[in-house]
Amino acid sequence: MEITLKKFNEKGLLVKATGKLDIDSSAEFGTKIKDALDDIDELVLDFGGISYVASIGLRVLLELYQQMSKQGSIKLTNVQEPVMNVLKMTGFTKFLSIS
């Protein structure tokens, strides 16, 4: 998995990732983002390059949501249809902002 982080505005963080958010990549994905969240009040996850999300990836998304709920907002963008289907089936679309 390739992960890039880019700050925008004063306190925004854009994360772009490609590949699968599965057992092999979820820990790195979560750690890399969590380590960059100090003083961030807007987290945008560009999922245009994410083709698959496993349950461990959903757990990471939930943890990021919980952390950002305390300090700002989180939004997913460019979510591909297979990933969106997983988010809908698991109820994540009820609390995550997705555009």
N, C-alpha and C. Protein backbone atom coordinates (compact mmCIF):
# COMPACT_ATOMS: atom_id res chain seq x y z
N MET A 1 0.85 -1.18 0.00
CA MET A 1 0.00 0.00 0.00
C MET A 1 0.89 1.24 0.00
N GLU A 2 0.50 2.18 -0.81
CA GLU A 2 1.20 3.47 -0.86
C GLU A 2 0.32 4.50 -0.16
N ILE A 3 0.91 5.25 0.78
CA ILE A 3 0.17 6.23 1.57
C ILE A 3 0.90 7.56 1.49
N THR A 4 0.17 8.62 1.10
CA THR A 4 0.76 9.95 1.11
C THR A 4 -0.09 10.86 1.98
N LEU A 5 0.59 11.70 2.72
CA LEU A 5 -0.07 12.66 3.61
C LEU A 5 0.31 14.06 3.17
N LYS A 6 -0.69 14.93 3.12
CA LYS A 6 -0.43 16.31 2.71
C LYS A 6 -1.28 17.24 3.56
N LYS A 7 -0.64 18.18 4.20
CA LYS A 7 -1.38 19.16 4.99
C LYS A 7 -1.98 20.20 4.07
N PHE A 8 -3.17 20.68 4.43
CA PHE A 8 -3.81 21.76 3.69
C PHE A 8 -4.41 22.73 4.70
N ASN A 9 -4.65 23.95 4.22
CA ASN A 9 -5.08 25.02 5.12
C ASN A 9 -4.13 25.02 6.31
N GLU A 10 -4.58 25.38 7.46
CA GLU A 10 -3.69 25.39 8.62
C GLU A 10 -3.74 24.10 9.39
N LYS A 11 -4.92 23.48 9.44
CA LYS A 11 -5.08 22.32 10.31
C LYS A 11 -5.78 21.16 9.61
N GLY A 12 -5.61 21.06 8.30
CA GLY A 12 -6.22 19.96 7.55
C GLY A 12 -5.17 18.95 7.10
N LEU A 13 -5.58 17.71 6.99
CA LEU A 13 -4.69 16.66 6.52
C LEU A 13 -5.42 15.83 5.47
N LEU A 14 -4.83 15.73 4.28
CA LEU A 14 -5.36 14.91 3.19
C LEU A 14 -4.51 13.65 3.10
N VAL A 15 -5.17 12.51 3.15
CA VAL A 15 -4.48 11.23 3.05
C VAL A 15 -4.95 10.54 1.78
N LYS A 16 -3.99 10.20 0.93
CA LYS A 16 -4.28 9.43 -0.28
C LYS A 16 -3.59 8.08 -0.13
N ALA A 17 -4.34 7.03 -0.42
CA ALA A 17 -3.78 5.69 -0.32
C ALA A 17 -4.22 4.87 -1.52
N THR A 18 -3.38 3.92 -1.90
CA THR A 18 -3.72 3.02 -2.98
C THR A 18 -3.50 1.58 -2.53
N GLY A 19 -4.34 0.69 -3.01
CA GLY A 19 -4.20 -0.72 -2.67
C GLY A 19 -5.38 -1.22 -1.86
N LYS A 20 -5.10 -2.20 -1.03
CA LYS A 20 -6.12 -2.82 -0.20
C LYS A 20 -5.88 -2.47 1.26
N LEU A 21 -6.94 -2.15 1.96
CA LEU A 21 -6.87 -1.89 3.39
C LEU A 21 -7.22 -3.20 4.09
N ASP A 22 -6.19 -4.04 4.23
CA ASP A 22 -6.41 -5.38 4.76
C ASP A 22 -5.43 -5.67 5.90
N ILE A 23 -5.29 -6.93 6.27
CA ILE A 23 -4.45 -7.33 7.39
C ILE A 23 -3.00 -6.90 7.19
N ASP A 24 -2.55 -6.87 5.94
CA ASP A 24 -1.16 -6.53 5.66
C ASP A 24 -0.88 -5.03 5.72
N SER A 25 -1.89 -4.21 5.52
CA SER A 25 -1.64 -2.77 5.41
C SER A 25 -2.33 -1.91 6.46
N SER A 26 -3.31 -2.44 7.14
CA SER A 26 -4.13 -1.62 8.05
C SER A 26 -3.33 -1.01 9.20
N ALA A 27 -2.42 -1.76 9.77
CA ALA A 27 -1.64 -1.24 10.90
C ALA A 27 -0.80 -0.05 10.47
N GLU A 28 -0.10 -0.19 9.34
CA GLU A 28 0.72 0.92 8.83
C GLU A 28 -0.15 2.13 8.49
N PHE A 29 -1.27 1.88 7.84
CA PHE A 29 -2.21 2.95 7.46
C PHE A 29 -2.65 3.72 8.71
N GLY A 30 -3.13 3.00 9.71
CA GLY A 30 -3.62 3.64 10.93
C GLY A 30 -2.53 4.38 11.68
N THR A 31 -1.39 3.75 11.84
CA THR A 31 -0.28 4.36 12.59
C THR A 31 0.23 5.61 11.92
N LYS A 32 0.42 5.54 10.62
CA LYS A 32 0.94 6.70 9.87
C LYS A 32 0.01 7.91 10.01
N ILE A 33 -1.29 7.66 9.94
CA ILE A 33 -2.25 8.76 10.05
C ILE A 33 -2.33 9.26 11.49
N LYS A 34 -2.46 8.36 12.45
CA LYS A 34 -2.59 8.76 13.85
C LYS A 34 -1.38 9.56 14.31
N ASP A 35 -0.19 9.21 13.82
CA ASP A 35 1.03 9.94 14.18
C ASP A 35 1.03 11.37 13.64
N ALA A 36 0.21 11.64 12.64
CA ALA A 36 0.19 12.97 12.01
C ALA A 36 -1.00 13.82 12.45
N LEU A 37 -1.81 13.35 13.40
CA LEU A 37 -3.05 14.04 13.74
C LEU A 37 -2.92 15.13 14.81
N ASP A 38 -1.74 15.34 15.35
CA ASP A 38 -1.59 16.44 16.30
C ASP A 38 -1.94 17.76 15.62
N ASP A 39 -2.76 18.55 16.25
CA ASP A 39 -3.16 19.87 15.75
C ASP A 39 -3.95 19.81 14.44
N ILE A 40 -4.53 18.66 14.10
CA ILE A 40 -5.34 18.53 12.89
C ILE A 40 -6.81 18.57 13.31
N ASP A 41 -7.60 19.40 12.63
CA ASP A 41 -9.03 19.43 12.93
C ASP A 41 -9.90 19.00 11.75
N GLU A 42 -9.27 18.70 10.62
CA GLU A 42 -10.01 18.18 9.46
C GLU A 42 -9.17 17.10 8.78
N LEU A 43 -9.71 15.89 8.77
CA LEU A 43 -9.03 14.76 8.14
C LEU A 43 -9.85 14.33 6.93
N VAL A 44 -9.20 14.31 5.76
CA VAL A 44 -9.85 13.89 4.53
C VAL A 44 -9.10 12.66 4.01
N LEU A 45 -9.83 11.56 3.88
CA LEU A 45 -9.25 10.32 3.36
C LEU A 45 -9.72 10.13 1.92
N ASP A 46 -8.80 10.25 0.97
CA ASP A 46 -9.12 10.05 -0.44
C ASP A 46 -8.99 8.57 -0.73
N PHE A 47 -10.15 7.90 -0.91
CA PHE A 47 -10.18 6.46 -1.12
C PHE A 47 -10.27 6.08 -2.60
N GLY A 48 -9.92 7.00 -3.48
CA GLY A 48 -9.98 6.72 -4.91
C GLY A 48 -9.09 5.55 -5.32
N GLY A 49 -8.03 5.31 -4.59
CA GLY A 49 -7.11 4.23 -4.91
C GLY A 49 -7.30 2.99 -4.05
N ILE A 50 -8.30 2.98 -3.18
CA ILE A 50 -8.55 1.83 -2.30
C ILE A 50 -9.58 0.92 -2.98
N SER A 51 -9.18 -0.31 -3.24
CA SER A 51 -10.06 -1.24 -3.95
C SER A 51 -10.76 -2.23 -3.04
N TYR A 52 -10.31 -2.34 -1.78
CA TYR A 52 -10.86 -3.36 -0.88
C TYR A 52 -10.64 -2.91 0.57
N VAL A 53 -11.63 -3.16 1.41
CA VAL A 53 -11.49 -2.89 2.84
C VAL A 53 -11.93 -4.13 3.61
N ALA A 54 -11.02 -4.68 4.39
CA ALA A 54 -11.32 -5.84 5.24
C ALA A 54 -11.81 -5.34 6.60
N SER A 55 -12.25 -6.26 7.43
CA SER A 55 -12.77 -5.88 8.75
C SER A 55 -11.73 -5.15 9.58
N ILE A 56 -10.47 -5.52 9.46
CA ILE A 56 -9.41 -4.83 10.21
C ILE A 56 -9.28 -3.38 9.72
N GLY A 57 -9.52 -3.16 8.43
CA GLY A 57 -9.51 -1.81 7.88
C GLY A 57 -10.67 -0.99 8.40
N LEU A 58 -11.83 -1.64 8.57
CA LEU A 58 -12.99 -0.95 9.16
C LEU A 58 -12.69 -0.54 10.60
N ARG A 59 -11.97 -1.38 11.30
CA ARG A 59 -11.61 -1.05 12.68
C ARG A 59 -10.73 0.21 12.72
N VAL A 60 -9.79 0.29 11.80
CA VAL A 60 -8.93 1.48 11.72
C VAL A 60 -9.77 2.72 11.40
N LEU A 61 -10.70 2.60 10.47
CA LEU A 61 -11.59 3.73 10.16
C LEU A 61 -12.40 4.16 11.38
N LEU A 62 -12.89 3.19 12.14
CA LEU A 62 -13.65 3.49 13.34
C LEU A 62 -12.77 4.22 14.37
N GLU A 63 -11.55 3.76 14.55
CA GLU A 63 -10.63 4.42 15.48
C GLU A 63 -10.33 5.85 15.05
N LEU A 64 -10.11 6.05 13.75
CA LEU A 64 -9.87 7.41 13.24
C LEU A 64 -11.10 8.28 13.44
N TYR A 65 -12.27 7.73 13.20
CA TYR A 65 -13.52 8.47 13.42
C TYR A 65 -13.65 8.88 14.88
N GLN A 66 -13.38 7.95 15.78
CA GLN A 66 -13.50 8.25 17.22
C GLN A 66 -12.52 9.34 17.63
N GLN A 67 -11.30 9.28 17.14
CA GLN A 67 -10.31 10.30 17.49
C GLN A 67 -10.70 11.65 16.90
N MET A 68 -11.09 11.66 15.63
CA MET A 68 -11.41 12.94 15.00
C MET A 68 -12.71 13.53 15.52
N SER A 69 -13.60 12.72 16.06
CA SER A 69 -14.83 13.24 16.67
C SER A 69 -14.51 14.12 17.87
N LYS A 70 -13.38 13.88 18.49
CA LYS A 70 -12.96 14.66 19.66
C LYS A 70 -12.23 15.93 19.27
N GLN A 71 -11.62 15.95 18.08
CA GLN A 71 -10.79 17.10 17.74
C GLN A 71 -11.17 17.79 16.44
N GLY A 72 -12.17 17.27 15.73
CA GLY A 72 -12.55 17.91 14.47
C GLY A 72 -13.48 17.04 13.66
N SER A 73 -13.13 16.87 12.37
CA SER A 73 -14.00 16.10 11.48
C SER A 73 -13.18 15.16 10.60
N ILE A 74 -13.88 14.16 10.08
CA ILE A 74 -13.27 13.21 9.15
C ILE A 74 -14.22 13.03 7.98
N LYS A 75 -13.65 12.94 6.77
CA LYS A 75 -14.47 12.78 5.57
C LYS A 75 -13.75 11.83 4.62
N LEU A 76 -14.50 10.95 3.99
CA LEU A 76 -13.99 10.07 2.95
C LEU A 76 -14.43 10.62 1.60
N THR A 77 -13.53 10.59 0.63
CA THR A 77 -13.86 11.05 -0.72
C THR A 77 -13.46 9.99 -1.74
N ASN A 78 -14.06 10.07 -2.90
CA ASN A 78 -13.73 9.22 -4.04
C ASN A 78 -13.79 7.72 -3.71
N VAL A 79 -14.78 7.34 -2.93
CA VAL A 79 -14.91 5.95 -2.51
C VAL A 79 -15.44 5.11 -3.69
N GLN A 80 -14.69 4.06 -4.02
CA GLN A 80 -15.09 3.16 -5.11
C GLN A 80 -16.30 2.32 -4.69
N GLU A 81 -17.07 1.87 -5.67
CA GLU A 81 -18.31 1.16 -5.41
C GLU A 81 -18.16 -0.08 -4.52
N PRO A 82 -17.16 -0.96 -4.74
CA PRO A 82 -17.04 -2.12 -3.85
C PRO A 82 -16.79 -1.73 -2.39
N VAL A 83 -16.00 -0.69 -2.19
CA VAL A 83 -15.73 -0.22 -0.83
C VAL A 83 -16.97 0.44 -0.25
N MET A 84 -17.68 1.21 -1.05
CA MET A 84 -18.91 1.85 -0.59
C MET A 84 -19.93 0.80 -0.17
N ASN A 85 -20.02 -0.29 -0.91
CA ASN A 85 -20.94 -1.37 -0.55
C ASN A 85 -20.62 -1.94 0.83
N VAL A 86 -19.34 -2.11 1.13
CA VAL A 86 -18.93 -2.60 2.44
C VAL A 86 -19.30 -1.59 3.52
N LEU A 87 -19.05 -0.31 3.25
CA LEU A 87 -19.38 0.74 4.23
C LEU A 87 -20.89 0.79 4.49
N LYS A 88 -21.69 0.61 3.44
CA LYS A 88 -23.14 0.61 3.61
C LYS A 88 -23.61 -0.61 4.41
N MET A 89 -23.09 -1.78 4.06
CA MET A 89 -23.53 -3.02 4.73
C MET A 89 -23.16 -3.03 6.21
N THR A 90 -22.08 -2.37 6.57
CA THR A 90 -21.63 -2.38 7.96
C THR A 90 -22.14 -1.19 8.76
N GLY A 91 -22.88 -0.29 8.11
CA GLY A 91 -23.45 0.85 8.81
C GLY A 91 -22.52 2.05 8.95
N PHE A 92 -21.35 1.99 8.35
CA PHE A 92 -20.40 3.10 8.47
C PHE A 92 -20.91 4.37 7.78
N THR A 93 -21.80 4.22 6.79
CA THR A 93 -22.32 5.40 6.10
C THR A 93 -23.27 6.20 7.00
N LYS A 94 -23.68 5.63 8.11
CA LYS A 94 -24.57 6.34 9.04
C LYS A 94 -23.84 7.38 9.86
N PHE A 95 -22.51 7.19 10.05
CA PHE A 95 -21.78 8.15 10.87
C PHE A 95 -20.58 8.79 10.17
N LEU A 96 -20.11 8.21 9.08
CA LEU A 96 -19.00 8.81 8.35
C LEU A 96 -19.53 9.76 7.26
N SER A 97 -18.86 10.87 7.11
CA SER A 97 -19.17 11.78 6.03
C SER A 97 -18.45 11.28 4.78
N ILE A 98 -19.24 11.00 3.73
CA ILE A 98 -18.67 10.44 2.50
C ILE A 98 -19.16 11.26 1.31
N SER A 99 -18.21 11.69 0.51
CA SER A 99 -18.58 12.48 -0.69
C SER A 99 -17.87 11.96 -1.91
